[in-house]
Structure formats: structure tokens, C-alpha cells
Amino acid sequence: MKSTIILALSALSGFALAGNDHSEHNCCFRNDGTGQKWATHQELTKKACGDFAQGTYDSGVCTENANIRRIDGAAFEAACKAHSGEVHIVDKDHVKGAYRGTC
């Protein structure tokens, strides 16, 4: 019984740690203001990632390189918004930054 509780707590702490992992960044967009769901935008993510020497674009996310200073989430979101016109997104309010390939 005791070992079952310990295993359950270990699993839960693993989920909590994964939720705090901000080492992978991506850009998200929404097509219009009608409340449609947010979606990842790989091309925009790649352009934003190019602004950060400490990031490497791969498989739709910008991954922080090990042993190099972290990428600030607000700075990454600003890069997403700054490059939005290059991928034909006119309204920057429909662009945001997110983590781990999710929106």
C-alpha cells in the first residue's frame, strides 16, 4: 500500500515538472477574432527562433540549447509578433507565444 502511494506521488510530480518545462517555445495564431481555437504556426516559430542564438528550430518548436542562457517567454512572444507580417498575419493580437508545441 505504501509503495503504491509513493509510485502515485512520483508520477504526479513528473507531470508537474513537465508542466513547468519552458525549454521549447513556439508561436501560435488565431485566424480571426471569432474565438476560433489557437493553432501552432511552424513557419512563424522558425522565424522567431532565428532571433535567438541559444535556440534551435526542430519539429515545430524552438528548443533552448543546453548550457546556454534561457529564452525568455515574453521575448519569444515578442519575436512571434514581430515576424507575423512576414507570414501574412496582419493582426498581431492574433499571435502569441507558447511552450512545448502547444497553444
PDB file of N, CA and C in Angstrom:
ATOM      1  N   MET A   1       0.826  -1.194   0.000  1.00  0.00           N
ATOM      2  CA  MET A   1       0.000   0.000   0.000  1.00  0.00           C
ATOM      3  C   MET A   1       0.870   1.257   0.000  1.00  0.00           C
ATOM      4  N   LYS A   2       1.877   1.247   0.861  1.00  0.00           N
ATOM      5  CA  LYS A   2       2.758   2.403   0.968  1.00  0.00           C
ATOM      6  C   LYS A   2       3.510   2.631  -0.350  1.00  0.00           C
ATOM      7  N   SER A   3       3.959   1.542  -0.973  1.00  0.00           N
ATOM      8  CA  SER A   3       4.691   1.683  -2.238  1.00  0.00           C
ATOM      9  C   SER A   3       3.774   2.188  -3.351  1.00  0.00           C
ATOM     10  N   THR A   4       2.494   1.829  -3.320  1.00  0.00           N
ATOM     11  CA  THR A   4       1.540   2.312  -4.314  1.00  0.00           C
ATOM     12  C   THR A   4       1.371   3.820  -4.200  1.00  0.00           C
ATOM     13  N   ILE A   5       1.287   4.315  -2.986  1.00  0.00           N
ATOM     14  CA  ILE A   5       1.145   5.754  -2.760  1.00  0.00           C
ATOM     15  C   ILE A   5       2.392   6.489  -3.240  1.00  0.00           C
ATOM     16  N   ILE A   6       3.555   5.931  -2.942  1.00  0.00           N
ATOM     17  CA  ILE A   6       4.808   6.559  -3.363  1.00  0.00           C
ATOM     18  C   ILE A   6       4.898   6.605  -4.888  1.00  0.00           C
ATOM     19  N   LEU A   7       4.505   5.518  -5.556  1.00  0.00           N
ATOM     20  CA  LEU A   7       4.520   5.493  -7.020  1.00  0.00           C
ATOM     21  C   LEU A   7       3.555   6.525  -7.604  1.00  0.00           C
ATOM     22  N   ALA A   8       2.388   6.642  -7.010  1.00  0.00           N
ATOM     23  CA  ALA A   8       1.398   7.608  -7.487  1.00  0.00           C
ATOM     24  C   ALA A   8       1.910   9.035  -7.326  1.00  0.00           C
ATOM     25  N   LEU A   9       2.513   9.325  -6.189  1.00  0.00           N
ATOM     26  CA  LEU A   9       3.058  10.664  -5.960  1.00  0.00           C
ATOM     27  C   LEU A   9       4.214  10.959  -6.908  1.00  0.00           C
ATOM     28  N   SER A  10       5.029   9.965  -7.186  1.00  0.00           N
ATOM     29  CA  SER A  10       6.141  10.144  -8.121  1.00  0.00           C
ATOM     30  C   SER A  10       5.623  10.477  -9.514  1.00  0.00           C
ATOM     31  N   ALA A  11       4.594   9.779  -9.933  1.00  0.00           N
ATOM     32  CA  ALA A  11       4.016  10.025 -11.253  1.00  0.00           C
ATOM     33  C   ALA A  11       3.433  11.433 -11.329  1.00  0.00           C
ATOM     34  N   LEU A  12       2.725  11.848 -10.287  1.00  0.00           N
ATOM     35  CA  LEU A  12       2.139  13.185 -10.268  1.00  0.00           C
ATOM     36  C   LEU A  12       3.205  14.266 -10.283  1.00  0.00           C
ATOM     37  N   SER A  13       4.290  14.059  -9.557  1.00  0.00           N
ATOM     38  CA  SER A  13       5.348  15.068  -9.548  1.00  0.00           C
ATOM     39  C   SER A  13       6.007  15.155 -10.921  1.00  0.00           C
ATOM     40  N   GLY A  14       6.072  14.063 -11.644  1.00  0.00           N
ATOM     41  CA  GLY A  14       6.604  14.080 -13.003  1.00  0.00           C
ATOM     42  C   GLY A  14       5.745  14.921 -13.925  1.00  0.00           C
ATOM     43  N   PHE A  15       4.408  14.827 -13.776  1.00  0.00           N
ATOM     44  CA  PHE A  15       3.517  15.658 -14.574  1.00  0.00           C
ATOM     45  C   PHE A  15       3.696  17.122 -14.226  1.00  0.00           C
ATOM     46  N   ALA A  16       3.847  17.427 -12.956  1.00  0.00           N
ATOM     47  CA  ALA A  16       4.030  18.813 -12.529  1.00  0.00           C
ATOM     48  C   ALA A  16       5.314  19.381 -13.106  1.00  0.00           C
ATOM     49  N   LEU A  17       6.377  18.587 -13.104  1.00  0.00           N
ATOM     50  CA  LEU A  17       7.643  19.062 -13.653  1.00  0.00           C
ATOM     51  C   LEU A  17       7.535  19.290 -15.152  1.00  0.00           C
ATOM     52  N   ALA A  18       6.857  18.407 -15.837  1.00  0.00           N
ATOM     53  CA  ALA A  18       6.698  18.565 -17.282  1.00  0.00           C
ATOM     54  C   ALA A  18       5.914  19.832 -17.594  1.00  0.00           C
ATOM     55  N   GLY A  19       4.940  20.167 -16.761  1.00  0.00           N
ATOM     56  CA  GLY A  19       4.149  21.371 -16.961  1.00  0.00           C
ATOM     57  C   GLY A  19       4.957  22.639 -16.795  1.00  0.00           C
ATOM     58  N   ASN A  20       6.054  22.576 -16.076  1.00  0.00           N
ATOM     59  CA  ASN A  20       6.901  23.740 -15.861  1.00  0.00           C
ATOM     60  C   ASN A  20       8.064  23.800 -16.839  1.00  0.00           C
ATOM     61  N   ASP A  21       8.147  22.885 -17.769  1.00  0.00           N
ATOM     62  CA  ASP A  21       9.249  22.849 -18.723  1.00  0.00           C
ATOM     63  C   ASP A  21       9.028  23.920 -19.787  1.00  0.00           C
ATOM     64  N   HIS A  22       9.844  24.949 -19.753  1.00  0.00           N
ATOM     65  CA  HIS A  22       9.727  26.037 -20.718  1.00  0.00           C
ATOM     66  C   HIS A  22      10.943  26.089 -21.631  1.00  0.00           C
ATOM     67  N   SER A  23      11.499  24.930 -21.942  1.00  0.00           N
ATOM     68  CA  SER A  23      12.695  24.888 -22.783  1.00  0.00           C
ATOM     69  C   SER A  23      12.362  24.784 -24.272  1.00  0.00           C
ATOM     70  N   GLU A  24      11.097  24.599 -24.609  1.00  0.00           N
ATOM     71  CA  GLU A  24      10.667  24.534 -26.005  1.00  0.00           C
ATOM     72  C   GLU A  24       9.606  25.601 -26.234  1.00  0.00           C
ATOM     73  N   HIS A  25       9.858  26.486 -27.184  1.00  0.00           N
ATOM     74  CA  HIS A  25       8.962  27.606 -27.472  1.00  0.00           C
ATOM     75  C   HIS A  25       8.335  27.432 -28.846  1.00  0.00           C
ATOM     76  N   ASN A  26       7.162  28.011 -29.032  1.00  0.00           N
ATOM     77  CA  ASN A  26       6.530  28.025 -30.344  1.00  0.00           C
ATOM     78  C   ASN A  26       5.583  29.210 -30.443  1.00  0.00           C
ATOM     79  N   CYS A  27       5.248  29.561 -31.670  1.00  0.00           N
ATOM     80  CA  CYS A  27       4.307  30.648 -31.934  1.00  0.00           C
ATOM     81  C   CYS A  27       2.938  30.054 -32.254  1.00  0.00           C
ATOM     82  N   CYS A  28       1.904  30.758 -31.818  1.00  0.00           N
ATOM     83  CA  CYS A  28       0.530  30.344 -32.086  1.00  0.00           C
ATOM     84  C   CYS A  28      -0.211  31.488 -32.770  1.00  0.00           C
ATOM     85  N   PHE A  29      -1.242  31.158 -33.521  1.00  0.00           N
ATOM     86  CA  PHE A  29      -2.057  32.181 -34.160  1.00  0.00           C
ATOM     87  C   PHE A  29      -3.518  31.755 -34.165  1.00  0.00           C
ATOM     88  N   ARG A  30      -4.372  32.753 -34.356  1.00  0.00           N
ATOM     89  CA  ARG A  30      -5.811  32.534 -34.491  1.00  0.00           C
ATOM     90  C   ARG A  30      -6.233  33.273 -35.755  1.00  0.00           C
ATOM     91  N   ASN A  31      -6.979  32.619 -36.627  1.00  0.00           N
ATOM     92  CA  ASN A  31      -7.310  33.203 -37.933  1.00  0.00           C
ATOM     93  C   ASN A  31      -8.076  34.513 -37.855  1.00  0.00           C
ATOM     94  N   ASP A  32      -9.031  34.616 -36.964  1.00  0.00           N
ATOM     95  CA  ASP A  32      -9.787  35.864 -36.858  1.00  0.00           C
ATOM     96  C   ASP A  32     -10.289  36.037 -35.433  1.00  0.00           C
ATOM     97  N   GLY A  33     -11.029  37.069 -35.204  1.00  0.00           N
ATOM     98  CA  GLY A  33     -11.491  37.385 -33.857  1.00  0.00           C
ATOM     99  C   GLY A  33     -12.768  36.689 -33.444  1.00  0.00           C
ATOM    100  N   THR A  34     -13.151  35.631 -34.110  1.00  0.00           N
ATOM    101  CA  THR A  34     -14.415  34.972 -33.795  1.00  0.00           C
ATOM    102  C   THR A  34     -14.292  33.960 -32.666  1.00  0.00           C
ATOM    103  N   GLY A  35     -13.136  33.911 -32.037  1.00  0.00           N
ATOM    104  CA  GLY A  35     -12.954  32.969 -30.939  1.00  0.00           C
ATOM    105  C   GLY A  35     -12.500  31.598 -31.379  1.00  0.00           C
ATOM    106  N   GLN A  36     -12.033  31.492 -32.617  1.00  0.00           N
ATOM    107  CA  GLN A  36     -11.529  30.199 -33.069  1.00  0.00           C
ATOM    108  C   GLN A  36     -10.364  29.772 -32.196  1.00  0.00           C
ATOM    109  N   LYS A  37     -10.117  28.483 -32.171  1.00  0.00           N
ATOM    110  CA  LYS A  37      -9.028  27.948 -31.353  1.00  0.00           C
ATOM    111  C   LYS A  37      -7.676  28.395 -31.886  1.00  0.00           C
ATOM    112  N   TRP A  38      -6.725  28.495 -30.957  1.00  0.00           N
ATOM    113  CA  TRP A  38      -5.345  28.812 -31.317  1.00  0.00           C
ATOM    114  C   TRP A  38      -4.699  27.584 -31.957  1.00  0.00           C
ATOM    115  N   ALA A  39      -3.799  27.823 -32.898  1.00  0.00           N
ATOM    116  CA  ALA A  39      -3.064  26.738 -33.561  1.00  0.00           C
ATOM    117  C   ALA A  39      -1.589  27.120 -33.643  1.00  0.00           C
ATOM    118  N   THR A  40      -0.729  26.117 -33.637  1.00  0.00           N
ATOM    119  CA  THR A  40       0.700  26.396 -33.777  1.00  0.00           C
ATOM    120  C   THR A  40       0.990  26.856 -35.204  1.00  0.00           C
ATOM    121  N   HIS A  41       2.012  27.666 -35.344  1.00  0.00           N
ATOM    122  CA  HIS A  41       2.409  28.164 -36.667  1.00  0.00           C
ATOM    123  C   HIS A  41       3.899  27.885 -36.821  1.00  0.00           C
ATOM    124  N   GLN A  42       4.225  26.807 -37.535  1.00  0.00           N
ATOM    125  CA  GLN A  42       5.613  26.352 -37.619  1.00  0.00           C
ATOM    126  C   GLN A  42       6.524  27.341 -38.338  1.00  0.00           C
ATOM    127  N   GLU A  43       6.065  27.928 -39.414  1.00  0.00           N
ATOM    128  CA  GLU A  43       6.916  28.871 -40.153  1.00  0.00           C
ATOM    129  C   GLU A  43       7.231  30.095 -39.291  1.00  0.00           C
ATOM    130  N   LEU A  44       6.233  30.596 -38.584  1.00  0.00           N
ATOM    131  CA  LEU A  44       6.437  31.741 -37.697  1.00  0.00           C
ATOM    132  C   LEU A  44       7.363  31.368 -36.540  1.00  0.00           C
ATOM    133  N   THR A  45       7.202  30.165 -36.011  1.00  0.00           N
ATOM    134  CA  THR A  45       8.082  29.686 -34.938  1.00  0.00           C
ATOM    135  C   THR A  45       9.526  29.644 -35.418  1.00  0.00           C
ATOM    136  N   LYS A  46       9.734  29.165 -36.632  1.00  0.00           N
ATOM    137  CA  LYS A  46      11.091  29.076 -37.181  1.00  0.00           C
ATOM    138  C   LYS A  46      11.715  30.466 -37.323  1.00  0.00           C
ATOM    139  N   LYS A  47      10.927  31.431 -37.804  1.00  0.00           N
ATOM    140  CA  LYS A  47      11.437  32.796 -37.961  1.00  0.00           C
ATOM    141  C   LYS A  47      11.767  33.408 -36.602  1.00  0.00           C
ATOM    142  N   ALA A  48      10.891  33.235 -35.629  1.00  0.00           N
ATOM    143  CA  ALA A  48      11.125  33.785 -34.292  1.00  0.00           C
ATOM    144  C   ALA A  48      12.340  33.130 -33.652  1.00  0.00           C
ATOM    145  N   CYS A  49      12.491  31.840 -33.829  1.00  0.00           N
ATOM    146  CA  CYS A  49      13.620  31.105 -33.252  1.00  0.00           C
ATOM    147  C   CYS A  49      14.942  31.638 -33.791  1.00  0.00           C
ATOM    148  N   GLY A  50      14.935  32.082 -35.037  1.00  0.00           N
ATOM    149  CA  GLY A  50      16.138  32.625 -35.648  1.00  0.00           C
ATOM    150  C   GLY A  50      16.670  33.870 -34.949  1.00  0.00           C
ATOM    151  N   ASP A  51      15.833  34.507 -34.129  1.00  0.00           N
ATOM    152  CA  ASP A  51      16.254  35.693 -33.372  1.00  0.00           C
ATOM    153  C   ASP A  51      17.069  35.337 -32.136  1.00  0.00           C
ATOM    154  N   PHE A  52      17.149  34.065 -31.794  1.00  0.00           N
ATOM    155  CA  PHE A  52      17.787  33.642 -30.547  1.00  0.00           C
ATOM    156  C   PHE A  52      18.933  32.669 -30.833  1.00  0.00           C
ATOM    157  N   ALA A  53      20.149  33.118 -30.555  1.00  0.00           N
ATOM    158  CA  ALA A  53      21.328  32.264 -30.764  1.00  0.00           C
ATOM    159  C   ALA A  53      21.269  31.021 -29.889  1.00  0.00           C
ATOM    160  N   GLN A  54      20.568  31.111 -28.766  1.00  0.00           N
ATOM    161  CA  GLN A  54      20.502  29.986 -27.839  1.00  0.00           C
ATOM    162  C   GLN A  54      19.369  29.011 -28.173  1.00  0.00           C
ATOM    163  N   GLY A  55      18.716  29.197 -29.332  1.00  0.00           N
ATOM    164  CA  GLY A  55      17.638  28.300 -29.715  1.00  0.00           C
ATOM    165  C   GLY A  55      17.924  27.584 -31.022  1.00  0.00           C
ATOM    166  N   THR A  56      17.375  26.381 -31.145  1.00  0.00           N
ATOM    167  CA  THR A  56      17.482  25.599 -32.373  1.00  0.00           C
ATOM    168  C   THR A  56      16.081  25.174 -32.785  1.00  0.00           C
ATOM    169  N   TYR A  57      15.698  25.473 -34.026  1.00  0.00           N
ATOM    170  CA  TYR A  57      14.384  25.082 -34.521  1.00  0.00           C
ATOM    171  C   TYR A  57      14.417  23.633 -34.984  1.00  0.00           C
ATOM    172  N   ASP A  58      13.436  22.851 -34.526  1.00  0.00           N
ATOM    173  CA  ASP A  58      13.321  21.461 -34.949  1.00  0.00           C
ATOM    174  C   ASP A  58      11.913  20.970 -34.663  1.00  0.00           C
ATOM    175  N   SER A  59      11.290  20.377 -35.643  1.00  0.00           N
ATOM    176  CA  SER A  59       9.979  19.735 -35.494  1.00  0.00           C
ATOM    177  C   SER A  59       8.922  20.667 -34.911  1.00  0.00           C
ATOM    178  N   GLY A  60       8.908  21.916 -35.348  1.00  0.00           N
ATOM    179  CA  GLY A  60       7.850  22.831 -34.952  1.00  0.00           C
ATOM    180  C   GLY A  60       8.070  23.599 -33.668  1.00  0.00           C
ATOM    181  N   VAL A  61       9.182  23.366 -32.995  1.00  0.00           N
ATOM    182  CA  VAL A  61       9.468  24.101 -31.757  1.00  0.00           C
ATOM    183  C   VAL A  61      10.886  24.666 -31.789  1.00  0.00           C
ATOM    184  N   CYS A  62      11.096  25.691 -30.991  1.00  0.00           N
ATOM    185  CA  CYS A  62      12.418  26.291 -30.817  1.00  0.00           C
ATOM    186  C   CYS A  62      12.946  25.799 -29.472  1.00  0.00           C
ATOM    187  N   THR A  63      13.922  24.922 -29.515  1.00  0.00           N
ATOM    188  CA  THR A  63      14.451  24.297 -28.303  1.00  0.00           C
ATOM    189  C   THR A  63      15.673  25.051 -27.814  1.00  0.00           C
ATOM    190  N   GLU A  64      15.672  25.356 -26.516  1.00  0.00           N
ATOM    191  CA  GLU A  64      16.829  26.016 -25.916  1.00  0.00           C
ATOM    192  C   GLU A  64      18.008  25.057 -25.922  1.00  0.00           C
ATOM    193  N   ASN A  65      19.150  25.535 -26.376  1.00  0.00           N
ATOM    194  CA  ASN A  65      20.360  24.722 -26.371  1.00  0.00           C
ATOM    195  C   ASN A  65      20.858  24.562 -24.940  1.00  0.00           C
ATOM    196  N   ALA A  66      21.328  23.381 -24.608  1.00  0.00           N
ATOM    197  CA  ALA A  66      21.817  23.100 -23.256  1.00  0.00           C
ATOM    198  C   ALA A  66      23.017  23.986 -22.936  1.00  0.00           C
ATOM    199  N   ASN A  67      23.118  24.361 -21.682  1.00  0.00           N
ATOM    200  CA  ASN A  67      24.250  25.135 -21.157  1.00  0.00           C
ATOM    201  C   ASN A  67      24.365  26.543 -21.734  1.00  0.00           C
ATOM    202  N   ILE A  68      23.308  27.062 -22.311  1.00  0.00           N
ATOM    203  CA  ILE A  68      23.288  28.443 -22.800  1.00  0.00           C
ATOM    204  C   ILE A  68      22.109  29.126 -22.114  1.00  0.00           C
ATOM    205  N   ARG A  69      22.209  30.439 -21.917  1.00  0.00           N
ATOM    206  CA  ARG A  69      21.134  31.130 -21.189  1.00  0.00           C
ATOM    207  C   ARG A  69      19.774  30.859 -21.819  1.00  0.00           C
ATOM    208  N   ARG A  70      18.776  30.897 -20.983  1.00  0.00           N
ATOM    209  CA  ARG A  70      17.421  30.546 -21.397  1.00  0.00           C
ATOM    210  C   ARG A  70      16.794  31.610 -22.292  1.00  0.00           C
ATOM    211  N   ILE A  71      15.778  31.212 -23.019  1.00  0.00           N
ATOM    212  CA  ILE A  71      14.998  32.144 -23.831  1.00  0.00           C
ATOM    213  C   ILE A  71      13.815  32.595 -22.983  1.00  0.00           C
ATOM    214  N   ASP A  72      13.678  33.886 -22.809  1.00  0.00           N
ATOM    215  CA  ASP A  72      12.567  34.443 -22.043  1.00  0.00           C
ATOM    216  C   ASP A  72      11.268  34.290 -22.846  1.00  0.00           C
ATOM    217  N   GLY A  73      10.219  33.811 -22.192  1.00  0.00           N
ATOM    218  CA  GLY A  73       8.944  33.583 -22.873  1.00  0.00           C
ATOM    219  C   GLY A  73       8.353  34.847 -23.479  1.00  0.00           C
ATOM    220  N   ALA A  74       8.445  35.966 -22.748  1.00  0.00           N
ATOM    221  CA  ALA A  74       7.914  37.233 -23.261  1.00  0.00           C
ATOM    222  C   ALA A  74       8.708  37.704 -24.479  1.00  0.00           C
ATOM    223  N   ALA A  75      10.022  37.503 -24.445  1.00  0.00           N
ATOM    224  CA  ALA A  75      10.863  37.887 -25.584  1.00  0.00           C
ATOM    225  C   ALA A  75      10.531  37.028 -26.801  1.00  0.00           C
ATOM    226  N   PHE A  76      10.250  35.737 -26.573  1.00  0.00           N
ATOM    227  CA  PHE A  76       9.908  34.868 -27.702  1.00  0.00           C
ATOM    228  C   PHE A  76       8.562  35.280 -28.287  1.00  0.00           C
ATOM    229  N   GLU A  77       7.601  35.585 -27.436  1.00  0.00           N
ATOM    230  CA  GLU A  77       6.301  36.037 -27.935  1.00  0.00           C
ATOM    231  C   GLU A  77       6.450  37.332 -28.736  1.00  0.00           C
ATOM    232  N   ALA A  78       7.293  38.246 -28.256  1.00  0.00           N
ATOM    233  CA  ALA A  78       7.541  39.496 -28.989  1.00  0.00           C
ATOM    234  C   ALA A  78       8.132  39.199 -30.367  1.00  0.00           C
ATOM    235  N   ALA A  79       9.016  38.203 -30.447  1.00  0.00           N
ATOM    236  CA  ALA A  79       9.595  37.813 -31.736  1.00  0.00           C
ATOM    237  C   ALA A  79       8.517  37.229 -32.650  1.00  0.00           C
ATOM    238  N   CYS A  80       7.606  36.450 -32.085  1.00  0.00           N
ATOM    239  CA  CYS A  80       6.492  35.904 -32.884  1.00  0.00           C
ATOM    240  C   CYS A  80       5.684  37.050 -33.492  1.00  0.00           C
ATOM    241  N   LYS A  81       5.348  38.034 -32.669  1.00  0.00           N
ATOM    242  CA  LYS A  81       4.562  39.176 -33.145  1.00  0.00           C
ATOM    243  C   LYS A  81       5.348  39.995 -34.173  1.00  0.00           C
ATOM    244  N   ALA A  82       6.650  40.178 -33.923  1.00  0.00           N
ATOM    245  CA  ALA A  82       7.480  40.980 -34.829  1.00  0.00           C
ATOM    246  C   ALA A  82       7.571  40.359 -36.222  1.00  0.00           C
ATOM    247  N   HIS A  83       7.573  39.047 -36.314  1.00  0.00           N
ATOM    248  CA  HIS A  83       7.700  38.360 -37.605  1.00  0.00           C
ATOM    249  C   HIS A  83       6.347  38.015 -38.228  1.00  0.00           C
ATOM    250  N   SER A  84       5.245  38.341 -37.562  1.00  0.00           N
ATOM    251  CA  SER A  84       3.926  37.911 -38.041  1.00  0.00           C
ATOM    252  C   SER A  84       3.597  38.433 -39.440  1.00  0.00           C
ATOM    253  N   GLY A  85       4.012  39.647 -39.758  1.00  0.00           N
ATOM    254  CA  GLY A  85       3.743  40.191 -41.091  1.00  0.00           C
ATOM    255  C   GLY A  85       4.437  39.409 -42.198  1.00  0.00           C
ATOM    256  N   GLU A  86       5.574  38.798 -41.873  1.00  0.00           N
ATOM    257  CA  GLU A  86       6.325  38.028 -42.867  1.00  0.00           C
ATOM    258  C   GLU A  86       5.598  36.752 -43.286  1.00  0.00           C
ATOM    259  N   VAL A  87       4.651  36.307 -42.461  1.00  0.00           N
ATOM    260  CA  VAL A  87       3.878  35.100 -42.792  1.00  0.00           C
ATOM    261  C   VAL A  87       2.406  35.462 -43.032  1.00  0.00           C
ATOM    262  N   HIS A  88       2.184  36.747 -43.353  1.00  0.00           N
ATOM    263  CA  HIS A  88       0.872  37.256 -43.761  1.00  0.00           C
ATOM    264  C   HIS A  88      -0.173  37.244 -42.650  1.00  0.00           C
ATOM    265  N   ILE A  89       0.264  37.410 -41.410  1.00  0.00           N
ATOM    266  CA  ILE A  89      -0.681  37.602 -40.305  1.00  0.00           C
ATOM    267  C   ILE A  89      -0.660  39.095 -39.998  1.00  0.00           C
ATOM    268  N   VAL A  90      -1.782  39.771 -40.249  1.00  0.00           N
ATOM    269  CA  VAL A  90      -1.801  41.220 -40.110  1.00  0.00           C
ATOM    270  C   VAL A  90      -2.068  41.671 -38.681  1.00  0.00           C
ATOM    271  N   ASP A  91      -2.949  41.008 -37.990  1.00  0.00           N
ATOM    272  CA  ASP A  91      -3.343  41.425 -36.643  1.00  0.00           C
ATOM    273  C   ASP A  91      -2.481  40.727 -35.597  1.00  0.00           C
ATOM    274  N   LYS A  92      -1.582  41.471 -34.991  1.00  0.00           N
ATOM    275  CA  LYS A  92      -0.666  40.894 -34.003  1.00  0.00           C
ATOM    276  C   LYS A  92      -1.384  40.428 -32.738  1.00  0.00           C
ATOM    277  N   ASP A  93      -2.635  40.884 -32.532  1.00  0.00           N
ATOM    278  CA  ASP A  93      -3.414  40.407 -31.384  1.00  0.00           C
ATOM    279  C   ASP A  93      -3.795  38.940 -31.550  1.00  0.00           C
ATOM    280  N   HIS A  94      -3.625  38.427 -32.756  1.00  0.00           N
ATOM    281  CA  HIS A  94      -3.959  37.030 -33.040  1.00  0.00           C
ATOM    282  C   HIS A  94      -2.715  36.150 -33.062  1.00  0.00           C
ATOM    283  N   VAL A  95      -1.650  36.648 -32.420  1.00  0.00           N
ATOM    284  CA  VAL A  95      -0.382  35.913 -32.334  1.00  0.00           C
ATOM    285  C   VAL A  95       0.042  35.874 -30.877  1.00  0.00           C
ATOM    286  N   LYS A  96       0.516  34.714 -30.433  1.00  0.00           N
ATOM    287  CA  LYS A  96       1.047  34.605 -29.074  1.00  0.00           C
ATOM    288  C   LYS A  96       2.158  33.563 -29.050  1.00  0.00           C
ATOM    289  N   GLY A  97       2.894  33.555 -27.975  1.00  0.00           N
ATOM    290  CA  GLY A  97       3.925  32.550 -27.771  1.00  0.00           C
ATOM    291  C   GLY A  97       3.414  31.480 -26.822  1.00  0.00           C
ATOM    292  N   ALA A  98       3.942  30.282 -26.954  1.00  0.00           N
ATOM    293  CA  ALA A  98       3.537  29.179 -26.076  1.00  0.00           C
ATOM    294  C   ALA A  98       4.723  28.228 -25.912  1.00  0.00           C
ATOM    295  N   TYR A  99       4.477  27.112 -25.237  1.00  0.00           N
ATOM    296  CA  TYR A  99       5.540  26.160 -24.918  1.00  0.00           C
ATOM    297  C   TYR A  99       5.196  24.745 -25.381  1.00  0.00           C
ATOM    298  N   ARG A 100       6.232  23.965 -25.686  1.00  0.00           N
ATOM    299  CA  ARG A 100       6.144  22.531 -25.965  1.00  0.00           C
ATOM    300  C   ARG A 100       5.237  22.179 -27.146  1.00  0.00           C
ATOM    301  N   GLY A 101       5.163  23.050 -28.144  1.00  0.00           N
ATOM    302  CA  GLY A 101       4.375  22.746 -29.334  1.00  0.00           C
ATOM    303  C   GLY A 101       2.882  22.758 -29.111  1.00  0.00           C
ATOM    304  N   THR A 102       2.431  23.472 -28.078  1.00  0.00           N
ATOM    305  CA  THR A 102       1.001  23.555 -27.786  1.00  0.00           C
ATOM    306  C   THR A 102       0.559  25.011 -27.803  1.00  0.00           C
ATOM    307  N   CYS A 103      -0.728  25.215 -27.851  1.00  0.00           N
ATOM    308  CA  CYS A 103      -1.282  26.569 -27.754  1.00  0.00           C
ATOM    309  C   CYS A 103      -2.319  26.564 -26.655  1.00  0.00           C
TER     310      CYS A 103
END
